[in-house]
């Protein structure tokens, strides 16, 4: 009976996981199918799921209509820059909030995280226009901090709260300053949390579309804008649109697959207090 119960629990768990991830898998496979078919098959009824024959013309169209390498370089610069600055600001901020138990500051960070980015866009755009920074990558990097800093701070608060205080107290007793205790004791212990915060901040920065669409010039557009360039007034070209979306999604997808163990380990470690 115990083996049957365990088998039933495993089957039930597997079915629940399948129900949760099936829509995402189906959408991804459908995008892949659209990118490998011509427009006649993409608009056919009933829908054609398996390309016959598959074609790479949609991917060639994406590279022909966009300076894809330039957009990729801009996305790399913006995402890495915004993630690095978010870590420099967010990790010490998360440590300070966690150790001082500043719940109001934590609530403020949460409000900043859930506030739509459009709320910041108009005043920031006017500021960058006044500073004559429009047309460069700096406005996009700075506006992405609105997204990345709250993520890093909120993740690091939970990790620093879960660290044992005895180690830091021992360092302070031995004559270390609070900065030395943070740098040499807290940060090495919170390395899984820093890894998770880095990955999440990079993903959210890479996928952001609104800020780049409004603030970027012709030479400073990022990859999500390349997807928007596939839309025309005459019709929606589903093949090139899906091909561009897959090319933009591929780096983030590979990063998530390669770092999934670190993400799970980091989130698990952050959820266990006193470990």
Protein backbone atom coordinates (compact mmCIF):
# COMPACT_ATOMS: atom_id res chain seq x y z
CA UNK A 1 0.00 0.00 0.00
CA UNK A 2 2.84 2.38 0.83
CA UNK A 3 4.47 1.76 -2.57
CA UNK A 4 1.15 2.28 -4.36
CA UNK A 5 0.57 5.52 -2.46
CA UNK A 6 4.05 6.76 -3.33
CA UNK A 7 3.50 5.81 -6.99
CA UNK A 8 0.17 7.66 -7.04
CA UNK A 9 1.81 10.73 -5.49
CA UNK A 10 4.57 10.68 -8.10
CA UNK A 11 2.06 10.31 -10.93
CA UNK A 12 -0.05 13.13 -9.52
CA UNK A 13 2.98 15.37 -9.13
CA UNK A 14 4.17 14.61 -12.66
CA UNK A 15 0.71 15.35 -14.07
CA UNK A 16 0.54 18.66 -12.19
CA UNK A 17 3.97 19.68 -13.51
CA UNK A 18 2.91 18.70 -17.04
CA UNK A 19 -0.25 20.80 -16.79
CA UNK A 20 1.79 23.81 -15.63
CA UNK A 21 4.54 23.65 -18.26
CA UNK A 22 2.53 22.31 -21.21
CA UNK A 23 1.23 25.76 -22.33
CA UNK A 24 4.75 27.24 -22.36
CA UNK A 25 6.15 24.24 -24.27
CA UNK A 26 3.30 24.34 -26.80
CA UNK A 27 3.77 28.08 -27.39
CA UNK A 28 7.51 27.62 -27.91
CA UNK A 29 7.00 24.71 -30.34
CA UNK A 30 4.36 26.68 -32.23
CA UNK A 31 6.74 29.65 -32.56
CA UNK A 32 9.42 27.29 -33.83
CA UNK A 33 6.96 25.85 -36.34
CA UNK A 34 5.94 29.33 -37.56
CA UNK A 35 9.57 30.34 -38.02
CA UNK A 36 10.27 27.34 -40.25
CA UNK A 37 7.22 27.72 -42.56
CA UNK A 38 6.37 30.11 -45.35
CA UNK A 39 3.54 32.62 -45.00
CA UNK A 40 1.15 30.46 -47.02
CA UNK A 41 1.47 27.60 -44.52
CA UNK A 42 1.38 29.99 -41.55
CA UNK A 43 -2.04 31.31 -42.60
CA UNK A 44 -3.46 27.96 -43.78
CA UNK A 45 -6.58 26.40 -42.28
CA UNK A 46 -6.51 23.90 -40.71
CA UNK A 47 -3.15 24.92 -39.20
CA UNK A 48 -0.01 23.16 -40.38
CA UNK A 49 2.13 22.25 -37.38
CA UNK A 50 5.01 20.34 -39.00
CA UNK A 51 6.80 22.34 -41.74
CA UNK A 52 6.89 20.50 -45.05
CA UNK A 53 9.48 21.35 -46.18
CA UNK A 54 11.13 23.52 -43.49
CA UNK A 55 12.68 26.79 -44.62
CA UNK A 56 15.16 29.26 -43.17
CA UNK A 57 13.90 32.19 -45.24
CA UNK A 58 12.30 33.81 -42.19
CA UNK A 59 15.63 33.92 -40.36
CA UNK A 60 17.33 35.37 -43.45
CA UNK A 61 14.59 38.00 -43.59
CA UNK A 62 15.25 38.95 -39.95
CA UNK A 63 18.95 39.55 -40.60
CA UNK A 64 18.21 41.35 -43.87
CA UNK A 65 15.71 43.81 -42.32
CA UNK A 66 17.67 44.48 -39.11
CA UNK A 67 21.24 45.20 -38.11
CA UNK A 68 20.98 42.22 -35.81
CA UNK A 69 24.61 42.14 -34.71
CA UNK A 70 24.45 45.81 -33.68
CA UNK A 71 21.25 45.21 -31.72
CA UNK A 72 22.82 42.15 -30.08
CA UNK A 73 25.88 44.19 -29.05
CA UNK A 74 23.64 46.90 -27.61
CA UNK A 75 21.60 44.33 -25.67
CA UNK A 76 24.76 42.76 -24.24
CA UNK A 77 26.15 46.15 -23.15
CA UNK A 78 22.86 47.29 -21.63
CA UNK A 79 22.04 44.02 -19.85
CA UNK A 80 25.52 43.46 -18.43
CA UNK A 81 25.85 47.13 -17.47
CA UNK A 82 22.47 47.27 -15.76
CA UNK A 83 23.09 43.97 -13.97
CA UNK A 84 26.56 45.02 -12.76
CA UNK A 85 25.31 48.38 -11.44
CA UNK A 86 22.34 46.67 -9.81
CA UNK A 87 24.67 44.30 -7.95
CA UNK A 88 26.92 47.17 -6.83
CA UNK A 89 23.89 49.03 -5.45
CA UNK A 90 21.55 46.21 -4.50
CA UNK A 91 23.78 43.77 -2.60
CA UNK A 92 24.94 46.30 0.07
CA UNK A 93 21.41 47.75 0.20
CA UNK A 94 19.92 44.30 0.81
CA UNK A 95 22.48 43.63 3.53
CA UNK A 96 21.73 46.92 5.28
CA UNK A 97 17.96 46.44 5.12
CA UNK A 98 18.23 42.85 6.37
CA UNK A 99 20.52 43.64 9.30
CA UNK A 100 18.65 46.77 10.37
CA UNK A 101 15.31 45.00 9.86
CA UNK A 102 14.08 48.07 7.99
CA UNK A 103 10.73 46.70 6.96
CA UNK A 104 9.54 50.05 5.64
CA UNK A 105 12.51 50.23 3.29
CA UNK A 106 11.80 46.65 2.19
CA UNK A 107 8.16 47.55 1.53
CA UNK A 108 9.33 50.56 -0.49
CA UNK A 109 11.57 48.31 -2.57
CA UNK A 110 8.62 45.96 -3.17
CA UNK A 111 6.43 48.88 -4.27
CA UNK A 112 9.17 50.02 -6.66
CA UNK A 113 9.34 46.48 -8.05
CA UNK A 114 5.62 46.14 -8.76
CA UNK A 115 5.16 49.69 -10.07
CA UNK A 116 4.85 49.68 -13.89
CA UNK A 117 7.96 50.92 -15.65
CA UNK A 118 5.87 53.36 -17.69
CA UNK A 119 5.37 55.37 -14.51
CA UNK A 120 9.06 56.29 -14.56
CA UNK A 121 9.45 56.63 -18.31
CA UNK A 122 8.12 60.15 -18.97
CA UNK A 123 10.09 61.99 -16.22
CA UNK A 124 13.24 60.03 -17.04
CA UNK A 125 12.85 60.77 -20.74
CA UNK A 126 12.52 64.50 -20.02
CA UNK A 127 15.57 64.33 -17.73
CA UNK A 128 17.71 62.58 -20.34
CA UNK A 129 16.54 65.02 -22.99
CA UNK A 130 17.53 67.96 -20.76
CA UNK A 131 20.95 66.35 -20.14
CA UNK A 132 21.34 65.69 -23.89
CA UNK A 133 21.90 61.97 -23.30
CA UNK A 134 19.28 60.72 -25.74
CA UNK A 135 20.67 58.65 -28.58
CA UNK A 136 23.21 56.89 -26.35
CA UNK A 137 23.08 53.65 -24.38
CA UNK A 138 23.36 55.38 -21.01
CA UNK A 139 19.65 56.29 -20.70
CA UNK A 140 18.67 52.67 -21.35
CA UNK A 141 21.17 51.33 -18.82
CA UNK A 142 20.02 53.81 -16.17
CA UNK A 143 16.32 53.15 -16.75
CA UNK A 144 16.93 49.40 -16.55
CA UNK A 145 18.10 49.98 -12.98
CA UNK A 146 14.45 50.64 -12.18
CA UNK A 147 13.91 46.94 -12.95
CA UNK A 148 17.14 45.31 -11.84
CA UNK A 149 17.89 47.08 -8.53
CA UNK A 150 14.58 46.11 -6.81
CA UNK A 151 15.06 42.50 -7.94
CA UNK A 152 18.58 42.30 -6.52
CA UNK A 153 17.65 44.04 -3.27
CA UNK A 154 14.57 41.91 -2.67
CA UNK A 155 16.41 38.64 -3.37
CA UNK A 156 19.38 39.60 -1.21
CA UNK A 157 17.22 40.66 1.74
CA UNK A 158 15.91 37.11 2.11
CA UNK A 159 19.41 35.64 1.84
CA UNK A 160 21.05 37.95 4.34
CA UNK A 161 18.18 37.43 6.78
CA UNK A 162 18.82 33.69 6.59
CA UNK A 163 22.52 33.92 7.41
CA UNK A 164 23.62 33.07 10.97
CA UNK A 165 24.44 36.27 12.83
CA UNK A 166 27.03 34.55 15.06
CA UNK A 167 29.67 34.61 12.32
CA UNK A 168 29.36 38.34 11.74
CA UNK A 169 29.28 39.03 15.48
CA UNK A 170 32.46 37.01 15.90
CA UNK A 171 34.14 39.06 13.16
CA UNK A 172 33.07 42.31 14.86
CA UNK A 173 34.39 41.08 18.19
CA UNK A 174 37.74 40.32 16.53
CA UNK A 175 38.00 43.96 15.49
CA UNK A 176 36.52 43.89 11.99
CA UNK A 177 34.46 46.83 10.79
CA UNK A 178 30.89 46.36 9.58
CA UNK A 179 32.14 46.74 6.00
CA UNK A 180 34.80 44.06 6.53
CA UNK A 181 32.23 41.74 8.08
CA UNK A 182 29.99 42.29 5.08
CA UNK A 183 32.77 41.78 2.56
CA UNK A 184 34.63 38.83 4.11
CA UNK A 185 31.83 37.00 5.96
CA UNK A 186 28.38 37.82 4.62
CA UNK A 187 29.13 38.04 0.90
CA UNK A 188 30.86 34.63 0.56
CA UNK A 189 27.98 32.99 2.43
CA UNK A 190 25.43 34.76 0.24
CA UNK A 191 27.10 33.74 -3.03
CA UNK A 192 24.16 31.53 -4.12
CA UNK A 193 21.83 34.47 -3.61
CA UNK A 194 24.09 36.77 -5.61
CA UNK A 195 24.08 34.21 -8.41
CA UNK A 196 20.28 34.07 -8.44
CA UNK A 197 19.96 37.85 -8.29
CA UNK A 198 22.44 38.22 -11.18
CA UNK A 199 20.59 35.78 -13.40
CA UNK A 200 17.15 37.24 -12.69
CA UNK A 201 18.34 40.82 -13.16
CA UNK A 202 20.01 39.92 -16.46
CA UNK A 203 16.90 38.14 -17.76
CA UNK A 204 14.56 41.02 -16.89
CA UNK A 205 16.96 43.56 -18.40
CA UNK A 206 17.47 41.53 -21.57
CA UNK A 207 13.73 41.12 -22.16
CA UNK A 208 12.75 44.73 -21.51
CA UNK A 209 11.13 46.35 -24.52
CA UNK A 210 9.41 49.58 -23.47
CA UNK A 211 12.47 51.56 -22.33
CA UNK A 212 14.50 50.72 -25.44
CA UNK A 213 11.56 51.43 -27.72
CA UNK A 214 11.14 54.97 -26.36
CA UNK A 215 14.70 55.98 -25.44
CA UNK A 216 16.81 54.24 -28.08
CA UNK A 217 17.93 55.89 -31.29
CA UNK A 218 18.56 54.23 -34.62
CA UNK A 219 22.02 53.03 -33.52
CA UNK A 220 21.16 52.16 -29.90
CA UNK A 221 18.20 49.82 -30.29
CA UNK A 222 18.24 46.49 -28.47
CA UNK A 223 17.11 43.05 -29.61
CA UNK A 224 13.49 43.24 -28.37
CA UNK A 225 13.06 46.25 -30.68
CA UNK A 226 14.13 44.01 -33.58
CA UNK A 227 11.05 41.88 -32.93
CA UNK A 228 8.86 44.98 -33.18
CA UNK A 229 10.49 45.85 -36.52
CA UNK A 230 8.94 42.70 -37.97
CA UNK A 231 5.48 44.29 -37.68
CA UNK A 232 4.24 46.19 -40.71
CA UNK A 233 1.14 48.22 -41.49
CA UNK A 234 0.11 45.90 -44.32
CA UNK A 235 0.08 42.59 -42.45
CA UNK A 236 1.61 40.58 -39.65
CA UNK A 237 4.37 38.40 -41.01
CA UNK A 238 4.17 35.53 -38.56
CA UNK A 239 7.23 33.73 -39.87
CA UNK A 240 9.80 36.55 -39.48
CA UNK A 241 8.11 37.66 -36.26
CA UNK A 242 8.48 34.20 -34.72
CA UNK A 243 12.04 33.85 -36.02
CA UNK A 244 13.04 37.18 -34.43
CA UNK A 245 11.32 36.25 -31.16
CA UNK A 246 13.18 32.94 -31.01
CA UNK A 247 16.54 34.59 -31.72
CA UNK A 248 15.94 37.09 -28.92
CA UNK A 249 14.76 34.39 -26.51
CA UNK A 250 17.57 31.93 -27.26
CA UNK A 251 20.35 33.53 -25.09
CA UNK A 252 18.06 33.80 -22.07
CA UNK A 253 16.79 30.26 -22.59
CA UNK A 254 20.33 28.87 -22.77
CA UNK A 255 21.35 30.86 -19.69
CA UNK A 256 18.39 29.51 -17.74
CA UNK A 257 19.08 25.91 -18.78
CA UNK A 258 22.78 26.15 -17.95
CA UNK A 259 22.21 27.85 -14.60
CA UNK A 260 19.07 26.03 -13.47
CA UNK A 261 20.93 24.10 -10.74
CA UNK A 262 22.38 27.33 -9.35
CA UNK A 263 18.96 28.99 -9.46
CA UNK A 264 17.24 26.14 -7.62
CA UNK A 265 20.07 25.82 -5.08
CA UNK A 266 20.12 29.56 -4.49
CA UNK A 267 16.37 29.91 -4.06
CA UNK A 268 16.30 26.90 -1.75
CA UNK A 269 19.15 28.25 0.36
CA UNK A 270 17.42 31.60 0.64
CA UNK A 271 14.24 30.01 1.85
CA UNK A 272 15.88 28.18 4.77
CA UNK A 273 16.51 30.47 7.74
CA UNK A 274 19.61 30.03 9.81
CA UNK A 275 21.39 27.77 7.33
